[in-house]
Amino acid sequence: MNFNLDVLKIDPSRELEKLSGFVVNQVNAVYRRQGVIVGLSGGIDSACMAAIAVHALGKEKVVGLVLPEKESNPVSSEFAVKHAKELDIAYRVIDISSTVESVVPYKDRDDFIKTLVPQFEPGYKYNISLPTDLLERSSFSFYNLQVQLPDGEIIKKRLNLDDFRRITSFANIKIRSRMLHLYAEAEKRGLVVAGTTNRTEFLLGDFCKYGDGGTDMEPLAYLYKNQIYQLSAYLKVIPEIFERQPSPDTFSLPVSDQEFFFRIAFDKLDFLLHAWEHKIDAAEAGNTLDLSEEAVKRAYNDFTSKFRATAHLRETPHILE
């Protein structure tokens, strides 16, 4: 395979027709429903998916659901609503804080964080992050809890595996709460729930099982993030979303997707992931991307580790035959 900087380029019009045909078939032939519902996060993937659905089915058959909670970045809902209005689709805004609270109270989460960072108090902002310089140096994938004090100081605490699981379990409740509301609305209206996971996220496991990974169809899962941007530009997704830094938006202190999960900047990530997936020699990939062979190997090792560790997310429940 000839690996070069054009390897991720797509023909957006061709891909749009391919995606539209898939959406129409899923809605009309597979599920036999009235249309599609998309959870609009204020991010590029859900914006792209909603625009594809409108192209495929018409605006009358597409509904957007905006699902903030009390710790969401306010601009997420603002951008999501603006995009829905731009597409001229029906939409609803539902605050899911009470749903999250009904599963595990925010206080329980706050009490746990305080055991790790005693200075933490309810209302303080926090996130978790990884080292983002994987291409520059070798480092372990240890998550840090980051708490912002009222004066702006950031306190960091390295998380062990049990602590990491506790923190992410709280965050995943938010994601699964959104899917609960999406299906409630979809069943009421007779709609198909459209997923928004792209190939970059799918291969490396950056999605929540029975959360954003619990959908009726995943049209975008064959397109890398880079290609989602190409398609979104063609579909004229609003600039506020197109130019926004990708973020999970599940923590009160903002954190980018690079900081939270990928560890590699997006201008290199998808090229490296494509090279890893297609078994391109590390030296060849490095030469093309102006990276050292050692840096590419570190990326390949990270991809392999994530792919193996998240294999269960890509599988349906095992059935005893």
C-alpha atoms as a PDB file:
ATOM      1  CA  MET A   1       0.000   0.000   0.000  1.00  0.00           C
ATOM      2  CA  ASN A   2       1.280   3.459  -0.949  1.00  0.00           C
ATOM      3  CA  PHE A   3       1.150   5.529   2.250  1.00  0.00           C
ATOM      4  CA  ASN A   4       1.058   9.286   1.643  1.00  0.00           C
ATOM      5  CA  LEU A   5      -0.616  12.470   2.873  1.00  0.00           C
ATOM      6  CA  ASP A   6      -3.536  11.957   0.487  1.00  0.00           C
ATOM      7  CA  VAL A   7      -4.472   8.590   1.962  1.00  0.00           C
ATOM      8  CA  LEU A   8      -7.355  10.015   4.008  1.00  0.00           C
ATOM      9  CA  LYS A   9      -8.827  12.231   1.296  1.00  0.00           C
ATOM     10  CA  ILE A  10     -12.415  11.425   0.334  1.00  0.00           C
ATOM     11  CA  ASP A  11     -14.898  12.600  -2.264  1.00  0.00           C
ATOM     12  CA  PRO A  12     -17.485  14.156   0.072  1.00  0.00           C
ATOM     13  CA  SER A  13     -20.325  14.067  -2.446  1.00  0.00           C
ATOM     14  CA  ARG A  14     -19.766  10.378  -3.095  1.00  0.00           C
ATOM     15  CA  GLU A  15     -19.540   9.537   0.596  1.00  0.00           C
ATOM     16  CA  LEU A  16     -22.675  11.568   1.304  1.00  0.00           C
ATOM     17  CA  GLU A  17     -24.669   9.527  -1.194  1.00  0.00           C
ATOM     18  CA  LYS A  18     -23.260   6.297   0.227  1.00  0.00           C
ATOM     19  CA  LEU A  19     -24.194   7.351   3.751  1.00  0.00           C
ATOM     20  CA  SER A  20     -27.626   8.577   2.681  1.00  0.00           C
ATOM     21  CA  GLY A  21     -28.413   5.259   1.058  1.00  0.00           C
ATOM     22  CA  PHE A  22     -27.395   3.453   4.238  1.00  0.00           C
ATOM     23  CA  VAL A  23     -29.562   5.707   6.429  1.00  0.00           C
ATOM     24  CA  VAL A  24     -32.595   5.326   4.155  1.00  0.00           C
ATOM     25  CA  ASN A  25     -32.232   1.545   4.149  1.00  0.00           C
ATOM     26  CA  GLN A  26     -31.887   1.374   7.927  1.00  0.00           C
ATOM     27  CA  VAL A  27     -34.940   3.556   8.526  1.00  0.00           C
ATOM     28  CA  ASN A  28     -37.229   2.140   5.846  1.00  0.00           C
ATOM     29  CA  ALA A  29     -36.189  -1.498   5.386  1.00  0.00           C
ATOM     30  CA  VAL A  30     -34.440  -2.596   8.583  1.00  0.00           C
ATOM     31  CA  TYR A  31     -36.289  -0.766  11.366  1.00  0.00           C
ATOM     32  CA  ARG A  32     -39.345   0.452   9.432  1.00  0.00           C
ATOM     33  CA  ARG A  33     -39.556   3.655  11.441  1.00  0.00           C
ATOM     34  CA  GLN A  34     -40.617   7.219  10.698  1.00  0.00           C
ATOM     35  CA  GLY A  35     -37.221   8.879  10.734  1.00  0.00           C
ATOM     36  CA  VAL A  36     -34.047   9.495  12.743  1.00  0.00           C
ATOM     37  CA  ILE A  37     -33.176  11.062  16.084  1.00  0.00           C
ATOM     38  CA  VAL A  38     -29.677  12.370  16.816  1.00  0.00           C
ATOM     39  CA  GLY A  39     -28.251  13.444  20.146  1.00  0.00           C
ATOM     40  CA  LEU A  40     -26.748  16.854  19.350  1.00  0.00           C
ATOM     41  CA  SER A  41     -23.731  17.391  21.603  1.00  0.00           C
ATOM     42  CA  GLY A  42     -22.419  20.586  20.084  1.00  0.00           C
ATOM     43  CA  GLY A  43     -19.566  18.569  18.565  1.00  0.00           C
ATOM     44  CA  ILE A  44     -18.573  17.814  14.994  1.00  0.00           C
ATOM     45  CA  ASP A  45     -19.675  14.151  14.799  1.00  0.00           C
ATOM     46  CA  SER A  46     -23.285  14.635  15.870  1.00  0.00           C
ATOM     47  CA  ALA A  47     -23.564  17.779  13.748  1.00  0.00           C
ATOM     48  CA  CYS A  48     -22.338  15.847  10.717  1.00  0.00           C
ATOM     49  CA  MET A  49     -24.712  12.954  11.427  1.00  0.00           C
ATOM     50  CA  ALA A  50     -27.732  15.249  11.679  1.00  0.00           C
ATOM     51  CA  ALA A  51     -26.835  16.946   8.404  1.00  0.00           C
ATOM     52  CA  ILE A  52     -26.452  13.567   6.680  1.00  0.00           C
ATOM     53  CA  ALA A  53     -29.849  12.469   7.988  1.00  0.00           C
ATOM     54  CA  VAL A  54     -31.488  15.624   6.641  1.00  0.00           C
ATOM     55  CA  HIS A  55     -29.920  15.032   3.235  1.00  0.00           C
ATOM     56  CA  ALA A  56     -31.044  11.407   3.253  1.00  0.00           C
ATOM     57  CA  LEU A  57     -34.569  11.732   4.627  1.00  0.00           C
ATOM     58  CA  GLY A  58     -35.570  15.384   4.565  1.00  0.00           C
ATOM     59  CA  LYS A  59     -35.737  17.752   7.521  1.00  0.00           C
ATOM     60  CA  GLU A  60     -39.253  16.637   8.496  1.00  0.00           C
ATOM     61  CA  LYS A  61     -37.945  13.170   9.408  1.00  0.00           C
ATOM     62  CA  VAL A  62     -35.030  14.244  11.599  1.00  0.00           C
ATOM     63  CA  VAL A  63     -35.204  15.220  15.280  1.00  0.00           C
ATOM     64  CA  GLY A  64     -32.370  16.593  17.396  1.00  0.00           C
ATOM     65  CA  LEU A  65     -32.142  16.063  21.141  1.00  0.00           C
ATOM     66  CA  VAL A  66     -29.889  18.385  23.143  1.00  0.00           C
ATOM     67  CA  LEU A  67     -29.050  16.817  26.513  1.00  0.00           C
ATOM     68  CA  PRO A  68     -27.025  19.029  28.845  1.00  0.00           C
ATOM     69  CA  GLU A  69     -26.472  18.455  32.542  1.00  0.00           C
ATOM     70  CA  LYS A  70     -25.385  20.881  35.205  1.00  0.00           C
ATOM     71  CA  GLU A  71     -21.650  20.413  34.571  1.00  0.00           C
ATOM     72  CA  SER A  72     -21.779  20.603  30.758  1.00  0.00           C
ATOM     73  CA  ASN A  73     -20.026  23.415  28.952  1.00  0.00           C
ATOM     74  CA  PRO A  74     -22.853  25.913  28.241  1.00  0.00           C
ATOM     75  CA  VAL A  75     -21.628  26.527  24.697  1.00  0.00           C
ATOM     76  CA  SER A  76     -22.304  22.878  23.849  1.00  0.00           C
ATOM     77  CA  SER A  77     -26.068  23.385  24.039  1.00  0.00           C
ATOM     78  CA  GLU A  78     -25.808  26.811  22.432  1.00  0.00           C
ATOM     79  CA  PHE A  79     -23.990  25.420  19.394  1.00  0.00           C
ATOM     80  CA  ALA A  80     -26.224  22.338  19.196  1.00  0.00           C
ATOM     81  CA  VAL A  81     -29.388  24.452  19.129  1.00  0.00           C
ATOM     82  CA  LYS A  82     -27.919  26.810  16.549  1.00  0.00           C
ATOM     83  CA  HIS A  83     -27.046  23.846  14.319  1.00  0.00           C
ATOM     84  CA  ALA A  84     -30.558  22.378  14.685  1.00  0.00           C
ATOM     85  CA  LYS A  85     -32.046  25.722  13.679  1.00  0.00           C
ATOM     86  CA  GLU A  86     -29.662  25.947  10.736  1.00  0.00           C
ATOM     87  CA  LEU A  87     -30.847  22.518   9.565  1.00  0.00           C
ATOM     88  CA  ASP A  88     -34.453  23.574  10.290  1.00  0.00           C
ATOM     89  CA  ILE A  89     -35.173  20.348  12.173  1.00  0.00           C
ATOM     90  CA  ALA A  90     -37.367  19.772  15.215  1.00  0.00           C
ATOM     91  CA  TYR A  91     -35.389  19.669  18.442  1.00  0.00           C
ATOM     92  CA  ARG A  92     -35.804  19.462  22.192  1.00  0.00           C
ATOM     93  CA  VAL A  93     -33.521  20.514  25.045  1.00  0.00           C
ATOM     94  CA  ILE A  94     -33.727  18.290  28.134  1.00  0.00           C
ATOM     95  CA  ASP A  95     -31.572  18.845  31.212  1.00  0.00           C
ATOM     96  CA  ILE A  96     -30.538  15.354  32.349  1.00  0.00           C
ATOM     97  CA  SER A  97     -29.091  16.375  35.739  1.00  0.00           C
ATOM     98  CA  SER A  98     -31.973  14.796  37.618  1.00  0.00           C
ATOM     99  CA  THR A  99     -31.530  11.549  35.698  1.00  0.00           C
ATOM    100  CA  VAL A 100     -27.832  11.438  36.578  1.00  0.00           C
ATOM    101  CA  GLU A 101     -28.614  12.302  40.194  1.00  0.00           C
ATOM    102  CA  SER A 102     -31.149   9.469  40.410  1.00  0.00           C
ATOM    103  CA  VAL A 103     -28.463   6.877  39.610  1.00  0.00           C
ATOM    104  CA  VAL A 104     -25.531   8.155  41.654  1.00  0.00           C
ATOM    105  CA  PRO A 105     -25.851  11.512  43.451  1.00  0.00           C
ATOM    106  CA  TYR A 106     -23.304  14.159  42.532  1.00  0.00           C
ATOM    107  CA  LYS A 107     -22.521  14.341  46.250  1.00  0.00           C
ATOM    108  CA  ASP A 108     -21.270  10.749  46.222  1.00  0.00           C
ATOM    109  CA  ARG A 109     -18.927  11.634  43.369  1.00  0.00           C
ATOM    110  CA  ASP A 110     -17.760  14.762  45.199  1.00  0.00           C
ATOM    111  CA  ASP A 111     -17.165  12.810  48.407  1.00  0.00           C
ATOM    112  CA  PHE A 112     -14.989  10.352  46.502  1.00  0.00           C
ATOM    113  CA  ILE A 113     -12.936  13.080  44.817  1.00  0.00           C
ATOM    114  CA  LYS A 114     -12.363  14.653  48.243  1.00  0.00           C
ATOM    115  CA  THR A 115     -10.759  11.409  49.445  1.00  0.00           C
ATOM    116  CA  LEU A 116      -8.196  11.862  46.654  1.00  0.00           C
ATOM    117  CA  VAL A 117      -7.786  15.654  46.820  1.00  0.00           C
ATOM    118  CA  PRO A 118      -8.725  16.895  50.330  1.00  0.00           C
ATOM    119  CA  GLN A 119      -8.884  20.524  49.139  1.00  0.00           C
ATOM    120  CA  PHE A 120     -11.778  19.657  46.806  1.00  0.00           C
ATOM    121  CA  GLU A 121     -15.186  21.113  47.647  1.00  0.00           C
ATOM    122  CA  PRO A 122     -18.563  20.787  45.856  1.00  0.00           C
ATOM    123  CA  GLY A 123     -18.646  23.190  42.929  1.00  0.00           C
ATOM    124  CA  TYR A 124     -14.904  22.987  42.258  1.00  0.00           C
ATOM    125  CA  LYS A 125     -14.112  21.993  38.683  1.00  0.00           C
ATOM    126  CA  TYR A 126     -12.277  18.787  37.836  1.00  0.00           C
ATOM    127  CA  ASN A 127     -11.287  16.476  34.986  1.00  0.00           C
ATOM    128  CA  ILE A 128      -8.982  13.554  34.280  1.00  0.00           C
ATOM    129  CA  SER A 129      -6.225  13.592  31.672  1.00  0.00           C
ATOM    130  CA  LEU A 130      -3.290  11.720  30.188  1.00  0.00           C
ATOM    131  CA  PRO A 131       0.151  12.974  29.097  1.00  0.00           C
ATOM    132  CA  THR A 132      -0.301  14.387  25.587  1.00  0.00           C
ATOM    133  CA  ASP A 133       3.290  14.207  24.330  1.00  0.00           C
ATOM    134  CA  LEU A 134       3.408  10.565  23.251  1.00  0.00           C
ATOM    135  CA  LEU A 135       5.174  11.445  19.991  1.00  0.00           C
ATOM    136  CA  GLU A 136       7.836  13.472  21.807  1.00  0.00           C
ATOM    137  CA  ARG A 137       8.811  11.027  24.540  1.00  0.00           C
ATOM    138  CA  SER A 138       8.080   7.648  26.031  1.00  0.00           C
ATOM    139  CA  SER A 139       5.747   7.851  29.027  1.00  0.00           C
ATOM    140  CA  PHE A 140       3.300   5.681  30.918  1.00  0.00           C
ATOM    141  CA  SER A 141      -0.450   6.028  30.379  1.00  0.00           C
ATOM    142  CA  PHE A 142      -1.249   7.150  33.915  1.00  0.00           C
ATOM    143  CA  TYR A 143      -4.371   9.243  34.330  1.00  0.00           C
ATOM    144  CA  ASN A 144      -4.219  12.312  36.538  1.00  0.00           C
ATOM    145  CA  LEU A 145      -7.163  13.796  38.387  1.00  0.00           C
ATOM    146  CA  GLN A 146      -6.986  17.583  38.033  1.00  0.00           C
ATOM    147  CA  VAL A 147      -8.890  19.828  40.445  1.00  0.00           C
ATOM    148  CA  GLN A 148      -9.107  23.578  39.933  1.00  0.00           C
ATOM    149  CA  LEU A 149      -9.176  25.647  43.133  1.00  0.00           C
ATOM    150  CA  PRO A 150     -11.090  28.952  43.295  1.00  0.00           C
ATOM    151  CA  ASP A 151      -7.849  30.924  42.756  1.00  0.00           C
ATOM    152  CA  GLY A 152      -7.174  29.009  39.537  1.00  0.00           C
ATOM    153  CA  GLU A 153      -4.479  26.712  40.943  1.00  0.00           C
ATOM    154  CA  ILE A 154      -4.586  23.179  39.529  1.00  0.00           C
ATOM    155  CA  ILE A 155      -3.896  20.274  41.890  1.00  0.00           C
ATOM    156  CA  LYS A 156      -3.013  16.959  40.274  1.00  0.00           C
ATOM    157  CA  LYS A 157      -3.367  13.474  41.720  1.00  0.00           C
ATOM    158  CA  ARG A 158      -2.212  10.364  39.878  1.00  0.00           C
ATOM    159  CA  LEU A 159      -4.980   7.778  39.740  1.00  0.00           C
ATOM    160  CA  ASN A 160      -4.515   4.076  40.329  1.00  0.00           C
ATOM    161  CA  LEU A 161      -6.724   1.674  38.372  1.00  0.00           C
ATOM    162  CA  ASP A 162      -9.454   1.465  41.008  1.00  0.00           C
ATOM    163  CA  ASP A 163      -9.610   5.250  41.360  1.00  0.00           C
ATOM    164  CA  PHE A 164      -9.749   5.654  37.573  1.00  0.00           C
ATOM    165  CA  ARG A 165     -12.626   3.206  37.342  1.00  0.00           C
ATOM    166  CA  ARG A 166     -14.588   5.051  40.027  1.00  0.00           C
ATOM    167  CA  ILE A 167     -14.113   8.425  38.354  1.00  0.00           C
ATOM    168  CA  THR A 168     -15.010   7.169  34.869  1.00  0.00           C
ATOM    169  CA  SER A 169     -18.039   5.294  36.199  1.00  0.00           C
ATOM    170  CA  PHE A 170     -19.451   8.631  37.362  1.00  0.00           C
ATOM    171  CA  ALA A 171     -18.777  10.196  33.964  1.00  0.00           C
ATOM    172  CA  ASN A 172     -20.310   7.261  32.108  1.00  0.00           C
ATOM    173  CA  ILE A 173     -23.576   7.678  34.015  1.00  0.00           C
ATOM    174  CA  LYS A 174     -23.963  10.996  32.197  1.00  0.00           C
ATOM    175  CA  ILE A 175     -23.392   9.347  28.818  1.00  0.00           C
ATOM    176  CA  ARG A 176     -25.798   6.486  29.521  1.00  0.00           C
ATOM    177  CA  SER A 177     -28.400   8.923  30.846  1.00  0.00           C
ATOM    178  CA  ARG A 178     -28.337  10.691  27.492  1.00  0.00           C
ATOM    179  CA  MET A 179     -28.982   7.422  25.687  1.00  0.00           C
ATOM    180  CA  LEU A 180     -31.904   6.688  28.010  1.00  0.00           C
ATOM    181  CA  HIS A 181     -33.524   9.959  26.987  1.00  0.00           C
ATOM    182  CA  LEU A 182     -32.748   9.385  23.323  1.00  0.00           C
ATOM    183  CA  TYR A 183     -34.513   6.023  23.314  1.00  0.00           C
ATOM    184  CA  ALA A 184     -37.476   7.363  25.283  1.00  0.00           C
ATOM    185  CA  GLU A 185     -37.950  10.049  22.644  1.00  0.00           C
ATOM    186  CA  ALA A 186     -37.230   7.680  19.755  1.00  0.00           C
ATOM    187  CA  GLU A 187     -39.791   5.103  20.864  1.00  0.00           C
ATOM    188  CA  LYS A 188     -42.433   7.772  21.434  1.00  0.00           C
ATOM    189  CA  ARG A 189     -41.936   9.167  17.945  1.00  0.00           C
ATOM    190  CA  GLY A 190     -41.126   5.925  16.091  1.00  0.00           C
ATOM    191  CA  LEU A 191     -37.556   6.950  15.222  1.00  0.00           C
ATOM    192  CA  VAL A 192     -34.205   5.243  14.712  1.00  0.00           C
ATOM    193  CA  VAL A 193     -31.400   6.307  17.086  1.00  0.00           C
ATOM    194  CA  ALA A 194     -28.410   7.327  14.981  1.00  0.00           C
ATOM    195  CA  GLY A 195     -24.973   6.868  16.502  1.00  0.00           C
ATOM    196  CA  THR A 196     -22.160   9.355  16.038  1.00  0.00           C
ATOM    197  CA  THR A 197     -19.022   7.265  16.701  1.00  0.00           C
ATOM    198  CA  ASN A 198     -16.327   7.730  14.057  1.00  0.00           C
ATOM    199  CA  ARG A 199     -13.696   5.168  13.077  1.00  0.00           C
ATOM    200  CA  THR A 200     -10.956   6.769  15.174  1.00  0.00           C
ATOM    201  CA  GLU A 201     -13.097   6.394  18.280  1.00  0.00           C
ATOM    202  CA  PHE A 202     -14.394   2.965  17.276  1.00  0.00           C
ATOM    203  CA  LEU A 203     -10.974   1.371  16.739  1.00  0.00           C
ATOM    204  CA  LEU A 204      -9.444   2.789  19.915  1.00  0.00           C
ATOM    205  CA  GLY A 205     -12.510   2.391  22.120  1.00  0.00           C
ATOM    206  CA  ASP A 206     -13.288   6.024  22.834  1.00  0.00           C
ATOM    207  CA  PHE A 207     -16.984   5.447  23.416  1.00  0.00           C
ATOM    208  CA  CYS A 208     -19.219   4.185  26.218  1.00  0.00           C
ATOM    209  CA  LYS A 209     -20.876   0.797  25.947  1.00  0.00           C
ATOM    210  CA  TYR A 210     -24.661   1.231  26.210  1.00  0.00           C
ATOM    211  CA  GLY A 211     -24.014   4.965  26.200  1.00  0.00           C
ATOM    212  CA  ASP A 212     -22.986   6.655  22.959  1.00  0.00           C
ATOM    213  CA  GLY A 213     -22.146   3.133  21.756  1.00  0.00           C
ATOM    214  CA  GLY A 214     -25.722   1.899  22.366  1.00  0.00           C
ATOM    215  CA  THR A 215     -27.517   2.912  19.184  1.00  0.00           C
ATOM    216  CA  ASP A 216     -29.575   1.479  16.322  1.00  0.00           C
ATOM    217  CA  MET A 217     -27.051   2.310  13.602  1.00  0.00           C
ATOM    218  CA  GLU A 218     -23.521   3.704  13.343  1.00  0.00           C
ATOM    219  CA  PRO A 219     -23.172   5.268   9.885  1.00  0.00           C
ATOM    220  CA  LEU A 220     -19.944   7.145  10.664  1.00  0.00           C
ATOM    221  CA  ALA A 221     -17.912   4.255  12.051  1.00  0.00           C
ATOM    222  CA  TYR A 222     -16.020   3.714   8.784  1.00  0.00           C
ATOM    223  CA  LEU A 223     -14.800   7.336   8.569  1.00  0.00           C
ATOM    224  CA  TYR A 224     -11.789   8.640  10.481  1.00  0.00           C
ATOM    225  CA  LYS A 225     -12.190  11.918  12.378  1.00  0.00           C
ATOM    226  CA  ASN A 226     -10.187  13.657   9.666  1.00  0.00           C
ATOM    227  CA  GLN A 227     -12.755  12.483   7.102  1.00  0.00           C
ATOM    228  CA  ILE A 228     -15.664  13.614   9.300  1.00  0.00           C
ATOM    229  CA  TYR A 229     -14.204  17.109   9.055  1.00  0.00           C
ATOM    230  CA  GLN A 230     -13.962  16.845   5.275  1.00  0.00           C
ATOM    231  CA  LEU A 231     -17.587  15.760   5.042  1.00  0.00           C
ATOM    232  CA  SER A 232     -18.695  18.413   7.558  1.00  0.00           C
ATOM    233  CA  ALA A 233     -17.050  21.134   5.496  1.00  0.00           C
ATOM    234  CA  TYR A 234     -18.970  19.917   2.440  1.00  0.00           C
ATOM    235  CA  LEU A 235     -22.206  19.907   4.454  1.00  0.00           C
ATOM    236  CA  LYS A 236     -21.476  23.430   5.749  1.00  0.00           C
ATOM    237  CA  VAL A 237     -21.651  22.597   9.446  1.00  0.00           C
ATOM    238  CA  ILE A 238     -21.723  25.877  11.358  1.00  0.00           C
ATOM    239  CA  PRO A 239     -18.238  27.341  12.034  1.00  0.00           C
ATOM    240  CA  GLU A 240     -18.759  27.417  15.815  1.00  0.00           C
ATOM    241  CA  ILE A 241     -18.861  23.610  15.781  1.00  0.00           C
ATOM    242  CA  PHE A 242     -16.429  23.069  12.924  1.00  0.00           C
ATOM    243  CA  GLU A 243     -13.712  25.129  14.607  1.00  0.00           C
ATOM    244  CA  ARG A 244     -14.336  23.849  18.136  1.00  0.00           C
ATOM    245  CA  GLN A 245     -11.735  21.669  19.848  1.00  0.00           C
ATOM    246  CA  PRO A 246     -13.097  18.103  20.232  1.00  0.00           C
ATOM    247  CA  SER A 247     -13.937  17.327  23.860  1.00  0.00           C
ATOM    248  CA  PRO A 248     -15.817  14.603  25.780  1.00  0.00           C
ATOM    249  CA  ASP A 249     -17.678  17.335  27.763  1.00  0.00           C
ATOM    250  CA  THR A 250     -18.325  14.989  30.688  1.00  0.00           C
ATOM    251  CA  PHE A 251     -16.229  16.837  33.276  1.00  0.00           C
ATOM    252  CA  SER A 252     -16.761  20.252  34.824  1.00  0.00           C
ATOM    253  CA  LEU A 253     -13.191  21.353  33.985  1.00  0.00           C
ATOM    254  CA  PRO A 254     -12.780  21.406  30.181  1.00  0.00           C
ATOM    255  CA  VAL A 255     -10.486  18.783  28.687  1.00  0.00           C
ATOM    256  CA  SER A 256      -9.768  18.007  25.034  1.00  0.00           C
ATOM    257  CA  ASP A 257     -10.058  14.578  23.432  1.00  0.00           C
ATOM    258  CA  GLN A 258      -6.278  14.607  23.027  1.00  0.00           C
ATOM    259  CA  GLU A 259      -5.781  15.232  26.750  1.00  0.00           C
ATOM    260  CA  PHE A 260      -8.469  12.804  27.847  1.00  0.00           C
ATOM    261  CA  PHE A 261      -7.777   9.837  25.585  1.00  0.00           C
ATOM    262  CA  PHE A 262      -5.776   9.997  22.357  1.00  0.00           C
ATOM    263  CA  ARG A 263      -2.469  11.550  23.541  1.00  0.00           C
ATOM    264  CA  ILE A 264      -1.658  12.587  19.944  1.00  0.00           C
ATOM    265  CA  ALA A 265      -2.650  15.774  18.117  1.00  0.00           C
ATOM    266  CA  PHE A 266      -5.342  15.302  15.475  1.00  0.00           C
ATOM    267  CA  ASP A 267      -3.134  16.516  12.617  1.00  0.00           C
ATOM    268  CA  LYS A 268      -1.087  13.323  13.053  1.00  0.00           C
ATOM    269  CA  LEU A 269      -3.457  10.937  14.832  1.00  0.00           C
ATOM    270  CA  ASP A 270      -5.569   9.645  11.944  1.00  0.00           C
ATOM    271  CA  PHE A 271      -2.613   9.255   9.595  1.00  0.00           C
ATOM    272  CA  LEU A 272      -0.822   7.177  12.217  1.00  0.00           C
ATOM    273  CA  LEU A 273      -3.941   5.163  12.995  1.00  0.00           C
ATOM    274  CA  HIS A 274      -4.511   4.451   9.302  1.00  0.00           C
ATOM    275  CA  ALA A 275      -0.886   3.369   8.963  1.00  0.00           C
ATOM    276  CA  TRP A 276      -1.195   1.096  12.018  1.00  0.00           C
ATOM    277  CA  GLU A 277      -4.436  -0.417  10.770  1.00  0.00           C
ATOM    278  CA  HIS A 278      -2.908  -1.141   7.350  1.00  0.00           C
ATOM    279  CA  LYS A 279       0.397  -2.397   8.798  1.00  0.00           C
ATOM    280  CA  ILE A 280       2.585   0.295   7.258  1.00  0.00           C
ATOM    281  CA  ASP A 281       6.224   0.002   8.319  1.00  0.00           C
ATOM    282  CA  ALA A 282       7.000   2.477  11.098  1.00  0.00           C
ATOM    283  CA  ALA A 283       9.991   3.917   9.242  1.00  0.00           C
ATOM    284  CA  GLU A 284       7.891   4.556   6.116  1.00  0.00           C
ATOM    285  CA  ALA A 285       5.097   6.167   8.132  1.00  0.00           C
ATOM    286  CA  GLY A 286       7.605   8.310   9.996  1.00  0.00           C
ATOM    287  CA  ASN A 287       9.265   9.476   6.811  1.00  0.00           C
ATOM    288  CA  THR A 288       5.887  10.507   5.361  1.00  0.00           C
ATOM    289  CA  LEU A 289       4.736  12.276   8.537  1.00  0.00           C
ATOM    290  CA  ASP A 290       8.111  13.811   9.459  1.00  0.00           C
ATOM    291  CA  LEU A 291       8.312  11.751  12.634  1.00  0.00           C
ATOM    292  CA  SER A 292      11.020   9.492  14.001  1.00  0.00           C
ATOM    293  CA  GLU A 293      10.588   5.739  13.666  1.00  0.00           C
ATOM    294  CA  GLU A 294      10.623   5.524  17.471  1.00  0.00           C
ATOM    295  CA  ALA A 295       7.746   8.017  17.741  1.00  0.00           C
ATOM    296  CA  VAL A 296       5.665   6.019  15.265  1.00  0.00           C
ATOM    297  CA  LYS A 297       6.375   2.803  17.159  1.00  0.00           C
ATOM    298  CA  ARG A 298       5.208   4.439  20.385  1.00  0.00           C
ATOM    299  CA  ALA A 299       1.973   5.414  18.636  1.00  0.00           C
ATOM    300  CA  TYR A 300       1.544   1.907  17.215  1.00  0.00           C
ATOM    301  CA  ASN A 301       2.073   0.368  20.661  1.00  0.00           C
ATOM    302  CA  ASP A 302      -0.482   2.750  22.176  1.00  0.00           C
ATOM    303  CA  PHE A 303      -3.025   1.884  19.457  1.00  0.00           C
ATOM    304  CA  THR A 304      -2.483  -1.846  19.968  1.00  0.00           C
ATOM    305  CA  SER A 305      -2.912  -1.498  23.719  1.00  0.00           C
ATOM    306  CA  LYS A 306      -6.112   0.535  23.408  1.00  0.00           C
ATOM    307  CA  PHE A 307      -7.543  -1.749  20.715  1.00  0.00           C
ATOM    308  CA  ARG A 308      -7.000  -4.841  22.855  1.00  0.00           C
ATOM    309  CA  ALA A 309      -8.166  -3.254  26.107  1.00  0.00           C
ATOM    310  CA  THR A 310     -11.429  -2.054  24.537  1.00  0.00           C
ATOM    311  CA  ALA A 311     -12.239  -5.129  22.430  1.00  0.00           C
ATOM    312  CA  HIS A 312     -15.248  -5.878  24.639  1.00  0.00           C
ATOM    313  CA  LEU A 313     -16.824  -2.550  23.666  1.00  0.00           C
ATOM    314  CA  ARG A 314     -17.007  -3.617  20.024  1.00  0.00           C
ATOM    315  CA  GLU A 315     -18.636  -6.978  20.762  1.00  0.00           C
ATOM    316  CA  THR A 316     -22.253  -7.876  21.333  1.00  0.00           C
ATOM    317  CA  PRO A 317     -23.001  -9.991  24.444  1.00  0.00           C
ATOM    318  CA  HIS A 318     -21.793 -13.561  24.086  1.00  0.00           C
ATOM    319  CA  ILE A 319     -24.550 -16.150  23.771  1.00  0.00           C
ATOM    320  CA  LEU A 320     -24.219 -19.755  24.891  1.00  0.00           C
ATOM    321  CA  GLU A 321     -25.235 -21.856  21.897  1.00  0.00           C
END
